[in-house]
Amino acid sequence: MSENLSPRERECVRLAGQGLEDKEIAARLGISPRTVGNHLHRAYGKLGVSDRKLAARRLSNGYSGHSILIPEATEDGSVGPASAEQSGDAEAAGDAGWFLPAPPRGVVARLGIIVAGSAIALLLAIGIVTAGMVLPSLFDRIAPEAVR
């Protein structure tokens, strides 16, 4: 099965299994992202899988008999540890995940922006409320009973 893969297809699947995107794989191998996509697509067909994680597991199982450490999603969407006994494409029924998956790229930066924006909005709201309470007493001091 995996012996039918070309060396380039094997390398693309291995790098994709490490979590690299097509652009990153292309930069490492000195080829275009589209070529990486073509290599992966052909490898999926040869390995009988439909995505990069399963392809990497199949390739790893074909070489060592053990699954590489890519977490598998269970039916409820949680992620559990990969097992060496699993064939790679069978989901672990009832296996509750014991660790969190890595966040998608850019999530930490987006979260930082959201937290900073929320903090600024909170400070502005506190400032407006405080000004609403302080300004009337300040105006009373500046223009006592004469204006009324």
Protein backbone atom coordinates (compact mmCIF):
# COMPACT_ATOMS: atom_id res chain seq x y z
CA MET A 1 0.00 0.00 0.00
CA SER A 2 2.49 2.67 1.13
CA GLU A 3 5.18 1.11 -1.05
CA ASN A 4 3.27 2.48 -4.08
CA LEU A 5 3.92 6.08 -2.97
CA SER A 6 6.64 8.08 -4.64
CA PRO A 7 9.36 9.51 -2.37
CA ARG A 8 7.86 13.02 -2.84
CA GLU A 9 4.37 11.78 -1.92
CA ARG A 10 5.79 10.06 1.17
CA GLU A 11 7.59 13.23 2.22
CA CYS A 12 4.47 15.38 1.69
CA VAL A 13 2.31 12.97 3.74
CA ARG A 14 4.93 12.83 6.51
CA LEU A 15 5.11 16.65 6.74
CA ALA A 16 1.32 16.97 6.53
CA GLY A 17 1.06 14.50 9.41
CA GLN A 18 3.23 16.84 11.48
CA GLY A 19 0.54 19.50 11.10
CA LEU A 20 2.18 21.61 8.38
CA GLU A 21 0.01 23.39 5.83
CA ASP A 22 0.56 23.05 2.07
CA LYS A 23 2.42 26.38 1.90
CA GLU A 24 4.81 25.32 4.67
CA ILE A 25 5.43 21.94 3.06
CA ALA A 26 6.04 23.64 -0.28
CA ALA A 27 8.59 26.01 1.26
CA ARG A 28 10.48 23.13 2.88
CA LEU A 29 10.56 21.03 -0.28
CA GLY A 30 11.11 23.87 -2.75
CA ILE A 31 7.93 23.18 -4.74
CA SER A 32 4.63 25.03 -5.19
CA PRO A 33 1.69 24.61 -2.79
CA ARG A 34 -0.38 23.32 -5.69
CA THR A 35 2.17 20.59 -6.37
CA VAL A 36 2.03 19.64 -2.68
CA GLY A 37 -1.76 19.39 -2.97
CA ASN A 38 -1.40 17.17 -6.03
CA HIS A 39 1.10 14.87 -4.25
CA LEU A 40 -1.22 14.61 -1.23
CA HIS A 41 -4.27 13.93 -3.40
CA ARG A 42 -2.50 11.11 -5.24
CA ALA A 43 -1.21 9.71 -1.93
CA TYR A 44 -4.75 9.73 -0.47
CA GLY A 45 -5.95 7.65 -3.40
CA LYS A 46 -3.08 5.18 -3.09
CA LEU A 47 -3.52 4.85 0.68
CA GLY A 48 -7.33 4.66 0.49
CA VAL A 49 -7.94 7.60 2.84
CA SER A 50 -9.59 11.00 2.56
CA ASP A 51 -7.49 13.35 4.70
CA ARG A 52 -3.94 14.12 5.78
CA LYS A 53 -4.13 12.74 9.31
CA LEU A 54 -5.39 9.37 8.16
CA ALA A 55 -2.79 9.31 5.37
CA ALA A 56 0.00 10.00 7.87
CA ARG A 57 -1.30 7.25 10.17
CA ARG A 58 -1.49 4.77 7.30
CA LEU A 59 2.01 5.67 6.16
CA SER A 60 3.33 5.38 9.71
CA ASN A 61 1.54 2.06 10.28
CA GLY A 62 2.96 0.76 7.00
CA TYR A 63 6.52 1.47 8.09
CA SER A 64 6.59 0.67 11.79
CA GLY A 65 3.36 -1.05 12.66
CA HIS A 66 2.66 1.73 15.19
CA SER A 67 0.49 4.78 14.78
CA ILE A 68 2.12 8.19 14.94
CA LEU A 69 0.94 10.53 17.70
CA ILE A 70 -1.92 12.35 16.01
CA PRO A 71 -4.97 12.66 18.26
CA GLU A 72 -8.17 11.13 16.94
CA ALA A 73 -11.59 12.77 17.22
CA THR A 74 -14.29 10.67 18.81
CA GLU A 75 -17.93 10.64 17.79
CA ASP A 76 -18.81 13.41 20.24
CA GLY A 77 -16.08 15.67 18.82
CA SER A 78 -13.64 15.35 21.72
CA VAL A 79 -10.09 14.32 20.99
CA GLY A 80 -8.46 11.27 22.52
CA PRO A 81 -4.96 9.84 22.31
CA ALA A 82 -3.96 7.86 19.24
CA SER A 83 -3.47 4.19 19.94
CA ALA A 84 -0.94 1.90 18.31
CA GLU A 85 -3.55 -0.82 18.09
CA GLN A 86 -6.00 1.25 16.05
CA SER A 87 -5.96 0.79 12.32
CA GLY A 88 -5.91 4.54 11.73
CA ASP A 89 -9.30 5.04 10.16
CA ALA A 90 -11.50 3.44 12.84
CA GLU A 91 -12.87 5.84 15.41
CA ALA A 92 -12.46 4.93 19.05
CA ALA A 93 -15.99 4.35 20.27
CA GLY A 94 -16.59 5.78 23.73
CA ASP A 95 -12.95 6.85 24.20
CA ALA A 96 -13.10 10.11 26.13
CA GLY A 97 -10.23 12.49 25.37
CA TRP A 98 -7.80 13.21 28.19
CA PHE A 99 -6.04 16.18 26.63
CA LEU A 100 -7.01 19.19 24.57
CA PRO A 101 -6.06 19.43 20.91
CA ALA A 102 -3.72 22.17 19.80
CA PRO A 103 -5.63 25.36 19.00
CA PRO A 104 -5.86 26.35 15.35
CA ARG A 105 -3.21 28.77 14.20
CA GLY A 106 -3.84 32.39 15.05
CA VAL A 107 -6.35 31.63 17.81
CA VAL A 108 -4.06 32.96 20.55
CA ALA A 109 -3.54 36.24 18.70
CA ARG A 110 -7.28 36.60 18.06
CA LEU A 111 -8.04 35.85 21.69
CA GLY A 112 -5.52 38.50 22.76
CA ILE A 113 -7.19 41.08 20.54
CA ILE A 114 -10.62 40.18 21.94
CA VAL A 115 -9.40 40.43 25.54
CA ALA A 116 -7.66 43.76 24.89
CA GLY A 117 -10.74 45.16 23.15
CA SER A 118 -12.96 44.03 26.00
CA ALA A 119 -10.67 45.66 28.55
CA ILE A 120 -10.71 48.95 26.63
CA ALA A 121 -14.51 48.82 26.33
CA LEU A 122 -14.80 48.17 30.08
CA LEU A 123 -12.51 51.10 30.91
CA LEU A 124 -14.53 53.38 28.64
CA ALA A 125 -17.78 52.27 30.27
CA ILE A 126 -16.35 52.89 33.74
CA GLY A 127 -15.15 56.32 32.59
CA ILE A 128 -18.57 57.26 31.23
CA VAL A 129 -20.35 56.17 34.41
CA THR A 130 -17.84 57.99 36.59
CA ALA A 131 -18.14 61.16 34.48
CA GLY A 132 -21.93 60.96 34.78
CA MET A 133 -21.65 60.94 38.54
CA VAL A 134 -18.89 63.56 38.90
CA LEU A 135 -19.89 66.18 36.30
CA PRO A 136 -23.18 67.31 37.89
CA SER A 137 -21.49 68.03 41.24
CA LEU A 138 -18.67 69.81 39.39
CA PHE A 139 -21.16 72.06 37.58
CA ASP A 140 -22.86 72.82 40.91
CA ARG A 141 -19.56 74.10 42.28
CA ILE A 142 -18.80 76.24 39.22
CA ALA A 143 -22.19 77.85 38.85
CA PRO A 144 -24.04 77.70 42.14
CA GLU A 145 -27.65 78.81 42.40
CA ALA A 146 -27.11 81.77 40.02
CA VAL A 147 -27.82 79.79 36.88
CA ARG A 148 -30.98 78.17 38.15
